[in-house]
Amino acid sequence: SMEEALAPAIRYAIEGYPVTEVVAAQWRHGEELFTDEHARAAY
């Protein structure tokens, strides 16, 4: 089911996960891109 297929992603999102080097470097782009409150609150 979709519930079973999405379960790992939901767990990562709710419980958290450690960020890797590559993703951390890419995420910094959001500091300039995200100017809206919804985006900044989310990411």
Full PDB file with SEQRES, HELIX, SHEET, SSBOND, CRYST1, ORIGX, SCALE, CONECT and MASTER records, all heavy atoms in Angstrom:
SEQRES   1 A   43  SER MET GLU GLU ALA LEU ALA PRO ALA ILE ARG TYR ALA          
SEQRES   2 A   43  ILE GLU GLY TYR PRO VAL THR GLU VAL VAL ALA ALA GLN          
SEQRES   3 A   43  TRP ARG HIS GLY GLU GLU LEU PHE THR ASP GLU HIS ALA          
SEQRES   4 A   43  ARG ALA ALA TYR                                              
HELIX    1 AA1 MET A    2  GLU A   15  1                                  14    
HELIX    2 AA2 GLU A   21  TRP A   27  1                                   7    
HELIX    3 AA3 HIS A   29  LEU A   33  1                                   5    
HELIX    4 AA4 GLU A   37  ALA A   42  1                                   6    
CRYST1    1.000    1.000    1.000  90.00  90.00  90.00 P 1           1          
ORIGX1      1.000000  0.000000  0.000000        0.00000                         
ORIGX2      0.000000  1.000000  0.000000        0.00000                         
ORIGX3      0.000000  0.000000  1.000000        0.00000                         
SCALE1      1.000000  0.000000  0.000000        0.00000                         
SCALE2      0.000000  1.000000  0.000000        0.00000                         
SCALE3      0.000000  0.000000  1.000000        0.00000                         
ATOM      1  N   SER A   1       0.838  -1.199   0.000  1.00  0.00           N  
ATOM      2  CA  SER A   1       0.000   0.000   0.000  1.00  0.00           C  
ATOM      3  C   SER A   1       0.874   1.251   0.000  1.00  0.00           C  
ATOM      4  O   SER A   1       2.080   1.188   0.294  1.00  0.00           O  
ATOM      5  CB  SER A   1      -0.890   0.006   1.248  1.00  0.00           C  
ATOM      6  OG  SER A   1      -0.078   0.137   2.418  1.00  0.00           O  
ATOM      7  N   MET A   2       0.278   2.384  -0.309  1.00  0.00           N  
ATOM      8  CA  MET A   2       0.997   3.647  -0.212  1.00  0.00           C  
ATOM      9  C   MET A   2       1.456   3.889   1.221  1.00  0.00           C  
ATOM     10  O   MET A   2       2.547   4.426   1.459  1.00  0.00           O  
ATOM     11  CB  MET A   2       0.111   4.801  -0.680  1.00  0.00           C  
ATOM     12  CG  MET A   2       0.039   4.963  -2.174  1.00  0.00           C  
ATOM     13  SD  MET A   2       1.584   5.611  -2.894  1.00  0.00           S  
ATOM     14  CE  MET A   2       1.411   7.359  -2.516  1.00  0.00           C  
ATOM     15  N   GLU A   3       0.650   3.498   2.175  1.00  0.00           N  
ATOM     16  CA  GLU A   3       1.019   3.673   3.579  1.00  0.00           C  
ATOM     17  C   GLU A   3       2.310   2.931   3.894  1.00  0.00           C  
ATOM     18  O   GLU A   3       3.204   3.466   4.565  1.00  0.00           O  
ATOM     19  CB  GLU A   3      -0.110   3.173   4.477  1.00  0.00           C  
ATOM     20  CG  GLU A   3       0.152   3.367   5.960  1.00  0.00           C  
ATOM     21  CD  GLU A   3      -1.013   2.894   6.805  1.00  0.00           C  
ATOM     22  OE1 GLU A   3      -1.943   2.268   6.257  1.00  0.00           O  
ATOM     23  OE2 GLU A   3      -0.985   3.150   8.026  1.00  0.00           O  
ATOM     24  N   GLU A   4       2.435   1.716   3.387  1.00  0.00           N  
ATOM     25  CA  GLU A   4       3.640   0.928   3.637  1.00  0.00           C  
ATOM     26  C   GLU A   4       4.835   1.503   2.867  1.00  0.00           C  
ATOM     27  O   GLU A   4       5.959   1.539   3.378  1.00  0.00           O  
ATOM     28  CB  GLU A   4       3.400  -0.526   3.233  1.00  0.00           C  
ATOM     29  CG  GLU A   4       2.412  -1.259   4.125  1.00  0.00           C  
ATOM     30  CD  GLU A   4       1.990  -2.591   3.558  1.00  0.00           C  
ATOM     31  OE1 GLU A   4       1.492  -2.621   2.401  1.00  0.00           O  
ATOM     32  OE2 GLU A   4       2.149  -3.619   4.260  1.00  0.00           O  
ATOM     33  N   ALA A   5       4.598   1.946   1.633  1.00  0.00           N  
ATOM     34  CA  ALA A   5       5.695   2.467   0.817  1.00  0.00           C  
ATOM     35  C   ALA A   5       6.250   3.781   1.367  1.00  0.00           C  
ATOM     36  O   ALA A   5       7.458   4.048   1.286  1.00  0.00           O  
ATOM     37  CB  ALA A   5       5.232   2.662  -0.627  1.00  0.00           C  
ATOM     38  N   LEU A   6       5.384   4.615   1.933  1.00  0.00           N  
ATOM     39  CA  LEU A   6       5.822   5.922   2.426  1.00  0.00           C  
ATOM     40  C   LEU A   6       6.286   5.899   3.876  1.00  0.00           C  
ATOM     41  O   LEU A   6       6.794   6.909   4.378  1.00  0.00           O  
ATOM     42  CB  LEU A   6       4.691   6.946   2.275  1.00  0.00           C  
ATOM     43  CG  LEU A   6       4.180   7.212   0.858  1.00  0.00           C  
ATOM     44  CD1 LEU A   6       3.182   8.358   0.865  1.00  0.00           C  
ATOM     45  CD2 LEU A   6       5.324   7.522  -0.095  1.00  0.00           C  
ATOM     46  N   ALA A   7       6.134   4.772   4.551  1.00  0.00           N  
ATOM     47  CA  ALA A   7       6.458   4.703   5.979  1.00  0.00           C  
ATOM     48  C   ALA A   7       7.898   5.103   6.301  1.00  0.00           C  
ATOM     49  O   ALA A   7       8.125   5.874   7.255  1.00  0.00           O  
ATOM     50  CB  ALA A   7       6.148   3.309   6.523  1.00  0.00           C  
ATOM     51  N   PRO A   8       8.929   4.631   5.575  1.00  0.00           N  
ATOM     52  CA  PRO A   8      10.293   5.054   5.919  1.00  0.00           C  
ATOM     53  C   PRO A   8      10.495   6.561   5.796  1.00  0.00           C  
ATOM     54  O   PRO A   8      11.146   7.181   6.648  1.00  0.00           O  
ATOM     55  CB  PRO A   8      11.164   4.288   4.917  1.00  0.00           C  
ATOM     56  CG  PRO A   8      10.350   3.098   4.535  1.00  0.00           C  
ATOM     57  CD  PRO A   8       8.933   3.595   4.515  1.00  0.00           C  
ATOM     58  N   ALA A   9       9.952   7.164   4.735  1.00  0.00           N  
ATOM     59  CA  ALA A   9      10.102   8.614   4.551  1.00  0.00           C  
ATOM     60  C   ALA A   9       9.431   9.378   5.679  1.00  0.00           C  
ATOM     61  O   ALA A   9       9.972  10.368   6.189  1.00  0.00           O  
ATOM     62  CB  ALA A   9       9.515   9.029   3.203  1.00  0.00           C  
ATOM     63  N   ILE A  10       8.241   8.939   6.065  1.00  0.00           N  
ATOM     64  CA  ILE A  10       7.521   9.603   7.155  1.00  0.00           C  
ATOM     65  C   ILE A  10       8.323   9.509   8.450  1.00  0.00           C  
ATOM     66  O   ILE A  10       8.436  10.486   9.204  1.00  0.00           O  
ATOM     67  CB  ILE A  10       6.121   8.985   7.319  1.00  0.00           C  
ATOM     68  CG1 ILE A  10       5.271   9.296   6.084  1.00  0.00           C  
ATOM     69  CG2 ILE A  10       5.440   9.493   8.579  1.00  0.00           C  
ATOM     70  CD1 ILE A  10       3.974   8.515   6.001  1.00  0.00           C  
ATOM     71  N   ARG A  11       8.908   8.359   8.686  1.00  0.00           N  
ATOM     72  CA  ARG A  11       9.720   8.190   9.895  1.00  0.00           C  
ATOM     73  C   ARG A  11      10.924   9.136   9.885  1.00  0.00           C  
ATOM     74  O   ARG A  11      11.224   9.782  10.897  1.00  0.00           O  
ATOM     75  CB  ARG A  11      10.176   6.744  10.016  1.00  0.00           C  
ATOM     76  CG  ARG A  11      10.933   6.460  11.317  1.00  0.00           C  
ATOM     77  CD  ARG A  11      11.226   4.976  11.475  1.00  0.00           C  
ATOM     78  NE  ARG A  11      12.131   4.472  10.444  1.00  0.00           N  
ATOM     79  CZ  ARG A  11      11.765   3.685   9.437  1.00  0.00           C  
ATOM     80  NH1 ARG A  11      10.497   3.325   9.297  1.00  0.00           N  
ATOM     81  NH2 ARG A  11      12.646   3.273   8.550  1.00  0.00           N  
ATOM     82  N   TYR A  12      11.625   9.227   8.759  1.00  0.00           N  
ATOM     83  CA  TYR A  12      12.757  10.146   8.675  1.00  0.00           C  
ATOM     84  C   TYR A  12      12.314  11.584   8.930  1.00  0.00           C  
ATOM     85  O   TYR A  12      12.998  12.357   9.606  1.00  0.00           O  
ATOM     86  CB  TYR A  12      13.412  10.064   7.296  1.00  0.00           C  
ATOM     87  CG  TYR A  12      14.186   8.799   7.011  1.00  0.00           C  
ATOM     88  CD1 TYR A  12      14.213   8.270   5.717  1.00  0.00           C  
ATOM     89  CD2 TYR A  12      14.899   8.136   8.002  1.00  0.00           C  
ATOM     90  CE1 TYR A  12      14.930   7.123   5.421  1.00  0.00           C  
ATOM     91  CE2 TYR A  12      15.620   6.986   7.711  1.00  0.00           C  
ATOM     92  CZ  TYR A  12      15.631   6.480   6.423  1.00  0.00           C  
ATOM     93  OH  TYR A  12      16.350   5.342   6.137  1.00  0.00           O  
ATOM     94  N   ALA A  13      11.171  11.972   8.364  1.00  0.00           N  
ATOM     95  CA  ALA A  13      10.711  13.351   8.492  1.00  0.00           C  
ATOM     96  C   ALA A  13      10.307  13.693   9.924  1.00  0.00           C  
ATOM     97  O   ALA A  13      10.622  14.772  10.429  1.00  0.00           O  
ATOM     98  CB  ALA A  13       9.538  13.595   7.536  1.00  0.00           C  
ATOM     99  N   ILE A  14       9.611  12.781  10.578  1.00  0.00           N  
ATOM    100  CA  ILE A  14       9.090  13.059  11.917  1.00  0.00           C  
ATOM    101  C   ILE A  14      10.160  12.863  12.991  1.00  0.00           C  
ATOM    102  O   ILE A  14      10.310  13.691  13.902  1.00  0.00           O  
ATOM    103  CB  ILE A  14       7.877  12.152  12.221  1.00  0.00           C  
ATOM    104  CG1 ILE A  14       6.758  12.385  11.192  1.00  0.00           C  
ATOM    105  CG2 ILE A  14       7.357  12.396  13.636  1.00  0.00           C  
ATOM    106  CD1 ILE A  14       6.222  13.788  11.143  1.00  0.00           C  
ATOM    107  N   GLU A  15      10.925  11.768  12.889  1.00  0.00           N  
ATOM    108  CA  GLU A  15      11.914  11.459  13.924  1.00  0.00           C  
ATOM    109  C   GLU A  15      13.253  12.141  13.680  1.00  0.00           C  
ATOM    110  O   GLU A  15      14.028  12.338  14.612  1.00  0.00           O  
ATOM    111  CB  GLU A  15      12.108   9.939  14.018  1.00  0.00           C  
ATOM    112  CG  GLU A  15      10.837   9.194  14.431  1.00  0.00           C  
ATOM    113  CD  GLU A  15      11.043   7.693  14.482  1.00  0.00           C  
ATOM    114  OE1 GLU A  15      12.196   7.237  14.278  1.00  0.00           O  
ATOM    115  OE2 GLU A  15      10.058   6.967  14.718  1.00  0.00           O  
ATOM    116  N   GLY A  16      13.549  12.472  12.439  1.00  0.00           N  
ATOM    117  CA  GLY A  16      14.785  13.167  12.116  1.00  0.00           C  
ATOM    118  C   GLY A  16      15.861  12.251  11.567  1.00  0.00           C  
ATOM    119  O   GLY A  16      15.775  11.019  11.649  1.00  0.00           O  
ATOM    120  N   TYR A  17      16.892  12.876  11.002  1.00  0.00           N  
ATOM    121  CA  TYR A  17      18.010  12.153  10.404  1.00  0.00           C  
ATOM    122  C   TYR A  17      19.217  13.079  10.377  1.00  0.00           C  
ATOM    123  O   TYR A  17      19.077  14.312  10.390  1.00  0.00           O  
ATOM    124  CB  TYR A  17      17.662  11.707   8.974  1.00  0.00           C  
ATOM    125  CG  TYR A  17      17.427  12.882   8.041  1.00  0.00           C  
ATOM    126  CD1 TYR A  17      18.465  13.399   7.275  1.00  0.00           C  
ATOM    127  CD2 TYR A  17      16.184  13.501   7.974  1.00  0.00           C  
ATOM    128  CE1 TYR A  17      18.267  14.500   6.447  1.00  0.00           C  
ATOM    129  CE2 TYR A  17      15.979  14.603   7.154  1.00  0.00           C  
ATOM    130  CZ  TYR A  17      17.026  15.093   6.394  1.00  0.00           C  
ATOM    131  OH  TYR A  17      16.828  16.185   5.587  1.00  0.00           O  
ATOM    132  N   PRO A  18      20.434  12.536  10.332  1.00  0.00           N  
ATOM    133  CA  PRO A  18      21.636  13.371  10.255  1.00  0.00           C  
ATOM    134  C   PRO A  18      21.922  13.785   8.813  1.00  0.00           C  
ATOM    135  O   PRO A  18      21.808  12.982   7.886  1.00  0.00           O  
ATOM    136  CB  PRO A  18      22.731  12.457  10.799  1.00  0.00           C  
ATOM    137  CG  PRO A  18      22.254  11.075  10.485  1.00  0.00           C  
ATOM    138  CD  PRO A  18      20.750  11.114  10.545  1.00  0.00           C  
ATOM    139  N   VAL A  19      22.305  15.026   8.630  1.00  0.00           N  
ATOM    140  CA  VAL A  19      22.540  15.577   7.293  1.00  0.00           C  
ATOM    141  C   VAL A  19      23.968  15.274   6.840  1.00  0.00           C  
ATOM    142  O   VAL A  19      24.917  15.424   7.615  1.00  0.00           O  
ATOM    143  CB  VAL A  19      22.304  17.103   7.291  1.00  0.00           C  
ATOM    144  CG1 VAL A  19      22.649  17.713   5.941  1.00  0.00           C  
ATOM    145  CG2 VAL A  19      20.854  17.400   7.648  1.00  0.00           C  
ATOM    146  N   THR A  20      24.122  14.838   5.589  1.00  0.00           N  
ATOM    147  CA  THR A  20      25.443  14.526   5.041  1.00  0.00           C  
ATOM    148  C   THR A  20      26.133  15.776   4.518  1.00  0.00           C  
ATOM    149  O   THR A  20      25.527  16.837   4.368  1.00  0.00           O  
ATOM    150  CB  THR A  20      25.311  13.518   3.894  1.00  0.00           C  
ATOM    151  OG1 THR A  20      24.506  14.096   2.856  1.00  0.00           O  
ATOM    152  CG2 THR A  20      24.671  12.223   4.363  1.00  0.00           C  
ATOM    153  N   GLU A  21      27.418  15.625   4.180  1.00  0.00           N  
ATOM    154  CA  GLU A  21      28.208  16.772   3.706  1.00  0.00           C  
ATOM    155  C   GLU A  21      27.627  17.394   2.447  1.00  0.00           C  
ATOM    156  O   GLU A  21      27.497  18.619   2.344  1.00  0.00           O  
ATOM    157  CB  GLU A  21      29.659  16.349   3.441  1.00  0.00           C  
ATOM    158  CG  GLU A  21      30.461  16.009   4.668  1.00  0.00           C  
ATOM    159  CD  GLU A  21      30.455  14.536   5.012  1.00  0.00           C  
ATOM    160  OE1 GLU A  21      29.524  13.824   4.572  1.00  0.00           O  
ATOM    161  OE2 GLU A  21      31.378  14.093   5.709  1.00  0.00           O  
ATOM    162  N   VAL A  22      27.315  16.556   1.464  1.00  0.00           N  
ATOM    163  CA  VAL A  22      26.834  17.082   0.180  1.00  0.00           C  
ATOM    164  C   VAL A  22      25.505  17.818   0.355  1.00  0.00           C  
ATOM    165  O   VAL A  22      25.320  18.926  -0.154  1.00  0.00           O  
ATOM    166  CB  VAL A  22      26.695  15.940  -0.846  1.00  0.00           C  
ATOM    167  CG1 VAL A  22      25.988  16.435  -2.109  1.00  0.00           C  
ATOM    168  CG2 VAL A  22      28.056  15.373  -1.197  1.00  0.00           C  
ATOM    169  N   VAL A  23      24.576  17.209   1.087  1.00  0.00           N  
ATOM    170  CA  VAL A  23      23.270  17.832   1.275  1.00  0.00           C  
ATOM    171  C   VAL A  23      23.392  19.105   2.099  1.00  0.00           C  
ATOM    172  O   VAL A  23      22.722  20.117   1.818  1.00  0.00           O  
ATOM    173  CB  VAL A  23      22.287  16.836   1.922  1.00  0.00           C  
ATOM    174  CG1 VAL A  23      20.974  17.518   2.273  1.00  0.00           C  
ATOM    175  CG2 VAL A  23      22.037  15.667   0.970  1.00  0.00           C  
ATOM    176  N   ALA A  24      24.258  19.116   3.101  1.00  0.00           N  
ATOM    177  CA  ALA A  24      24.462  20.320   3.892  1.00  0.00           C  
ATOM    178  C   ALA A  24      24.965  21.467   3.020  1.00  0.00           C  
ATOM    179  O   ALA A  24      24.532  22.625   3.165  1.00  0.00           O  
ATOM    180  CB  ALA A  24      25.444  20.046   5.028  1.00  0.00           C  
ATOM    181  N   ALA A  25      25.878  21.158   2.112  1.00  0.00           N  
ATOM    182  CA  ALA A  25      26.399  22.200   1.216  1.00  0.00           C  
ATOM    183  C   ALA A  25      25.309  22.716   0.283  1.00  0.00           C  
ATOM    184  O   ALA A  25      25.206  23.928   0.032  1.00  0.00           O  
ATOM    185  CB  ALA A  25      27.567  21.638   0.406  1.00  0.00           C  
ATOM    186  N   GLN A  26      24.480  21.807  -0.250  1.00  0.00           N  
ATOM    187  CA  GLN A  26      23.400  22.230  -1.141  1.00  0.00           C  
ATOM    188  C   GLN A  26      22.333  23.023  -0.394  1.00  0.00           C  
ATOM    189  O   GLN A  26      21.728  23.940  -0.951  1.00  0.00           O  
ATOM    190  CB  GLN A  26      22.775  21.003  -1.798  1.00  0.00           C  
ATOM    191  CG  GLN A  26      23.698  20.265  -2.744  1.00  0.00           C  
ATOM    192  CD  GLN A  26      23.101  18.960  -3.244  1.00  0.00           C  
ATOM    193  OE1 GLN A  26      22.250  18.347  -2.598  1.00  0.00           O  
ATOM    194  NE2 GLN A  26      23.550  18.508  -4.403  1.00  0.00           N  
ATOM    195  N   TRP A  27      22.095  22.682   0.856  1.00  0.00           N  
ATOM    196  CA  TRP A  27      21.044  23.323   1.644  1.00  0.00           C  
ATOM    197  C   TRP A  27      21.332  24.819   1.859  1.00  0.00           C  
ATOM    198  O   TRP A  27      20.420  25.619   2.008  1.00  0.00           O  
ATOM    199  CB  TRP A  27      20.925  22.616   2.999  1.00  0.00           C  
ATOM    200  CG  TRP A  27      19.569  22.640   3.617  1.00  0.00           C  
ATOM    201  CD1 TRP A  27      18.755  23.721   3.798  1.00  0.00           C  
ATOM    202  CD2 TRP A  27      18.843  21.515   4.152  1.00  0.00           C  
ATOM    203  NE1 TRP A  27      17.583  23.352   4.411  1.00  0.00           N  
ATOM    204  CE2 TRP A  27      17.617  21.996   4.644  1.00  0.00           C  
ATOM    205  CE3 TRP A  27      19.137  20.162   4.278  1.00  0.00           C  
ATOM    206  CZ2 TRP A  27      16.673  21.175   5.249  1.00  0.00           C  
ATOM    207  CZ3 TRP A  27      18.200  19.332   4.875  1.00  0.00           C  
ATOM    208  CH2 TRP A  27      16.987  19.838   5.353  1.00  0.00           C  
ATOM    209  N   ARG A  28      22.612  25.178   1.867  1.00  0.00           N  
ATOM    210  CA  ARG A  28      22.962  26.591   2.099  1.00  0.00           C  
ATOM    211  C   ARG A  28      22.380  27.510   1.040  1.00  0.00           C  
ATOM    212  O   ARG A  28      22.186  28.706   1.271  1.00  0.00           O  
ATOM    213  CB  ARG A  28      24.487  26.747   2.176  1.00  0.00           C  
ATOM    214  CG  ARG A  28      25.081  26.212   3.471  1.00  0.00           C  
ATOM    215  CD  ARG A  28      26.482  26.745   3.702  1.00  0.00           C  
ATOM    216  NE  ARG A  28      27.422  26.238   2.727  1.00  0.00           N  
ATOM    217  CZ  ARG A  28      28.114  25.111   2.855  1.00  0.00           C  
ATOM    218  NH1 ARG A  28      27.965  24.354   3.937  1.00  0.00           N  
ATOM    219  NH2 ARG A  28      28.967  24.728   1.924  1.00  0.00           N  
ATOM    220  N   HIS A  29      22.096  26.949  -0.126  1.00  0.00           N  
ATOM    221  CA  HIS A  29      21.461  27.746  -1.181  1.00  0.00           C  
ATOM    222  C   HIS A  29      20.111  28.287  -0.723  1.00  0.00           C  
ATOM    223  O   HIS A  29      19.695  29.373  -1.132  1.00  0.00           O  
ATOM    224  CB  HIS A  29      21.288  26.894  -2.439  1.00  0.00           C  
ATOM    225  CG  HIS A  29      20.516  27.555  -3.531  1.00  0.00           C  
ATOM    226  ND1 HIS A  29      20.930  28.722  -4.141  1.00  0.00           N  
ATOM    227  CD2 HIS A  29      19.340  27.217  -4.122  1.00  0.00           C  
ATOM    228  CE1 HIS A  29      20.039  29.066  -5.054  1.00  0.00           C  
ATOM    229  NE2 HIS A  29      19.068  28.181  -5.061  1.00  0.00           N  
ATOM    230  N   GLY A  30      19.439  27.546   0.148  1.00  0.00           N  
ATOM    231  CA  GLY A  30      18.143  27.981   0.639  1.00  0.00           C  
ATOM    232  C   GLY A  30      18.200  29.239   1.478  1.00  0.00           C  
ATOM    233  O   GLY A  30      17.200  29.954   1.611  1.00  0.00           O  
ATOM    234  N   GLU A  31      19.352  29.530   2.049  1.00  0.00           N  
ATOM    235  CA  GLU A  31      19.465  30.722   2.883  1.00  0.00           C  
ATOM    236  C   GLU A  31      19.250  31.992   2.061  1.00  0.00           C  
ATOM    237  O   GLU A  31      18.739  32.995   2.571  1.00  0.00           O  
ATOM    238  CB  GLU A  31      20.827  30.752   3.561  1.00  0.00           C  
ATOM    239  CG  GLU A  31      21.017  29.638   4.570  1.00  0.00           C  
ATOM    240  CD  GLU A  31      22.379  29.654   5.239  1.00  0.00           C  
ATOM    241  OE1 GLU A  31      23.263  30.416   4.777  1.00  0.00           O  
ATOM    242  OE2 GLU A  31      22.575  28.907   6.213  1.00  0.00           O  
ATOM    243  N   GLU A  32      19.628  31.955   0.788  1.00  0.00           N  
ATOM    244  CA  GLU A  32      19.385  33.095  -0.105  1.00  0.00           C  
ATOM    245  C   GLU A  32      18.051  32.968  -0.830  1.00  0.00           C  
ATOM    246  O   GLU A  32      17.349  33.958  -1.035  1.00  0.00           O  
ATOM    247  CB  GLU A  32      20.513  33.202  -1.127  1.00  0.00           C  
ATOM    248  CG  GLU A  32      21.877  33.517  -0.532  1.00  0.00           C  
ATOM    249  CD  GLU A  32      22.936  33.641  -1.600  1.00  0.00           C  
ATOM    250  OE1 GLU A  32      22.587  33.549  -2.811  1.00  0.00           O  
ATOM    251  OE2 GLU A  32      24.111  33.818  -1.248  1.00  0.00           O  
ATOM    252  N   LEU A  33      17.708  31.745  -1.216  1.00  0.00           N  
ATOM    253  CA  LEU A  33      16.501  31.531  -2.012  1.00  0.00           C  
ATOM    254  C   LEU A  33      15.232  31.774  -1.213  1.00  0.00           C  
ATOM    255  O   LEU A  33      14.285  32.401  -1.695  1.00  0.00           O  
ATOM    256  CB  LEU A  33      16.493  30.100  -2.561  1.00  0.00           C  
ATOM    257  CG  LEU A  33      15.242  29.660  -3.314  1.00  0.00           C  
ATOM    258  CD1 LEU A  33      15.085  30.461  -4.600  1.00  0.00           C  
ATOM    259  CD2 LEU A  33      15.308  28.162  -3.623  1.00  0.00           C  
ATOM    260  N   PHE A  34      15.185  31.275   0.016  1.00  0.00           N  
ATOM    261  CA  PHE A  34      13.962  31.325   0.800  1.00  0.00           C  
ATOM    262  C   PHE A  34      13.824  32.672   1.510  1.00  0.00           C  
ATOM    263  O   PHE A  34      14.506  32.940   2.501  1.00  0.00           O  
ATOM    264  CB  PHE A  34      13.929  30.192   1.826  1.00  0.00           C  
ATOM    265  CG  PHE A  34      13.793  28.821   1.232  1.00  0.00           C  
ATOM    266  CD1 PHE A  34      14.504  27.742   1.748  1.00  0.00           C  
ATOM    267  CD2 PHE A  34      12.953  28.591   0.152  1.00  0.00           C  
ATOM    268  CE1 PHE A  34      14.367  26.473   1.216  1.00  0.00           C  
ATOM    269  CE2 PHE A  34      12.810  27.329  -0.397  1.00  0.00           C  
ATOM    270  CZ  PHE A  34      13.526  26.267   0.142  1.00  0.00           C  
ATOM    271  N   THR A  35      12.935  33.495   0.998  1.00  0.00           N  
ATOM    272  CA  THR A  35      12.644  34.783   1.621  1.00  0.00           C  
ATOM    273  C   THR A  35      11.266  34.792   2.266  1.00  0.00           C  
ATOM    274  O   THR A  35      10.989  35.630   3.128  1.00  0.00           O  
ATOM    275  CB  THR A  35      12.723  35.918   0.584  1.00  0.00           C  
ATOM    276  OG1 THR A  35      11.799  35.647  -0.485  1.00  0.00           O  
ATOM    277  CG2 THR A  35      14.137  36.016   0.003  1.00  0.00           C  
ATOM    278  N   ASP A  36      10.398  33.878   1.863  1.00  0.00           N  
ATOM    279  CA  ASP A  36       9.039  33.818   2.381  1.00  0.00           C  
ATOM    280  C   ASP A  36       9.008  33.073   3.716  1.00  0.00           C  
ATOM    281  O   ASP A  36       9.769  32.134   3.946  1.00  0.00           O  
ATOM    282  CB  ASP A  36       8.146  33.101   1.368  1.00  0.00           C  
ATOM    283  CG  ASP A  36       6.700  33.004   1.830  1.00  0.00           C  
ATOM    284  OD1 ASP A  36       5.969  33.982   1.658  1.00  0.00           O  
ATOM    285  OD2 ASP A  36       6.339  31.942   2.377  1.00  0.00           O  
ATOM    286  N   GLU A  37       8.090  33.455   4.594  1.00  0.00           N  
ATOM    287  CA  GLU A  37       8.016  32.857   5.922  1.00  0.00           C  
ATOM    288  C   GLU A  37       7.683  31.368   5.868  1.00  0.00           C  
ATOM    289  O   GLU A  37       8.174  30.583   6.696  1.00  0.00           O  
ATOM    290  CB  GLU A  37       6.987  33.584   6.787  1.00  0.00           C  
ATOM    291  CG  GLU A  37       5.566  33.547   6.222  1.00  0.00           C  
ATOM    292  CD  GLU A  37       4.565  34.232   7.140  1.00  0.00           C  
ATOM    293  OE1 GLU A  37       4.776  34.199   8.363  1.00  0.00           O  
ATOM    294  OE2 GLU A  37       3.583  34.790   6.626  1.00  0.00           O  
ATOM    295  N   HIS A  38       6.837  30.946   4.925  1.00  0.00           N  
ATOM    296  CA  HIS A  38       6.497  29.527   4.831  1.00  0.00           C  
ATOM    297  C   HIS A  38       7.726  28.693   4.501  1.00  0.00           C  
ATOM    298  O   HIS A  38       7.940  27.622   5.091  1.00  0.00           O  
ATOM    299  CB  HIS A  38       5.430  29.306   3.761  1.00  0.00           C  
ATOM    300  CG  HIS A  38       4.124  29.959   4.051  1.00  0.00           C  
ATOM    301  ND1 HIS A  38       3.252  30.355   3.064  1.00  0.00           N  
ATOM    302  CD2 HIS A  38       3.535  30.307   5.227  1.00  0.00           C  
ATOM    303  CE1 HIS A  38       2.182  30.902   3.611  1.00  0.00           C  
ATOM    304  NE2 HIS A  38       2.334  30.883   4.920  1.00  0.00           N  
ATOM    305  N   ALA A  39       8.520  29.165   3.569  1.00  0.00           N  
ATOM    306  CA  ALA A  39       9.714  28.433   3.155  1.00  0.00           C  
ATOM    307  C   ALA A  39      10.752  28.396   4.262  1.00  0.00           C  
ATOM    308  O   ALA A  39      11.356  27.355   4.541  1.00  0.00           O  
ATOM    309  CB  ALA A  39      10.295  29.059   1.892  1.00  0.00           C  
ATOM    310  N   ARG A  40      10.961  29.520   4.902  1.00  0.00           N  
ATOM    311  CA  ARG A  40      11.974  29.572   5.957  1.00  0.00           C  
ATOM    312  C   ARG A  40      11.554  28.741   7.167  1.00  0.00           C  
ATOM    313  O   ARG A  40      12.384  28.083   7.797  1.00  0.00           O  
ATOM    314  CB  ARG A  40      12.255  31.023   6.349  1.00  0.00           C  
ATOM    315  CG  ARG A  40      12.853  31.849   5.204  1.00  0.00           C  
ATOM    316  CD  ARG A  40      13.284  33.232   5.655  1.00  0.00           C  
ATOM    317  NE  ARG A  40      14.483  33.184   6.481  1.00  0.00           N  
ATOM    318  CZ  ARG A  40      15.720  33.137   6.005  1.00  0.00           C  
ATOM    319  NH1 ARG A  40      15.941  33.098   4.692  1.00  0.00           N  
ATOM    320  NH2 ARG A  40      16.744  33.119   6.822  1.00  0.00           N  
ATOM    321  N   ALA A  41      10.275  28.744   7.479  1.00  0.00           N  
ATOM    322  CA  ALA A  41       9.803  27.941   8.607  1.00  0.00           C  
ATOM    323  C   ALA A  41       9.985  26.454   8.333  1.00  0.00           C  
ATOM    324  O   ALA A  41      10.295  25.666   9.240  1.00  0.00           O  
ATOM    325  CB  ALA A  41       8.337  28.254   8.889  1.00  0.00           C  
ATOM    326  N   ALA A  42       9.790  26.058   7.078  1.00  0.00           N  
ATOM    327  CA  ALA A  42       9.883  24.644   6.726  1.00  0.00           C  
ATOM    328  C   ALA A  42      11.316  24.148   6.644  1.00  0.00           C  
ATOM    329  O   ALA A  42      11.625  23.035   7.099  1.00  0.00           O  
ATOM    330  CB  ALA A  42       9.169  24.388   5.405  1.00  0.00           C  
ATOM    331  N   TYR A  43      12.218  24.962   6.057  1.00  0.00           N  
ATOM    332  CA  TYR A  43      13.551  24.462   5.757  1.00  0.00           C  
ATOM    333  C   TYR A  43      14.689  25.226   6.436  1.00  0.00           C  
ATOM    334  O   TYR A  43      15.843  24.776   6.377  1.00  0.00           O  
ATOM    335  CB  TYR A  43      13.757  24.443   4.237  1.00  0.00           C  
ATOM    336  CG  TYR A  43      12.888  23.396   3.585  1.00  0.00           C  
ATOM    337  CD1 TYR A  43      11.688  23.731   2.965  1.00  0.00           C  
ATOM    338  CD2 TYR A  43      13.255  22.054   3.612  1.00  0.00           C  
ATOM    339  CE1 TYR A  43      10.882  22.761   2.397  1.00  0.00           C  
ATOM    340  CE2 TYR A  43      12.461  21.076   3.037  1.00  0.00           C  
ATOM    341  CZ  TYR A  43      11.266  21.438   2.437  1.00  0.00           C  
ATOM    342  OH  TYR A  43      10.476  20.470   1.884  1.00  0.00           O  
TER     343      TYR A  43                                                      
MASTER        0    0    0    4    0    0    0    6  342    1    0    4          
END                                                                             
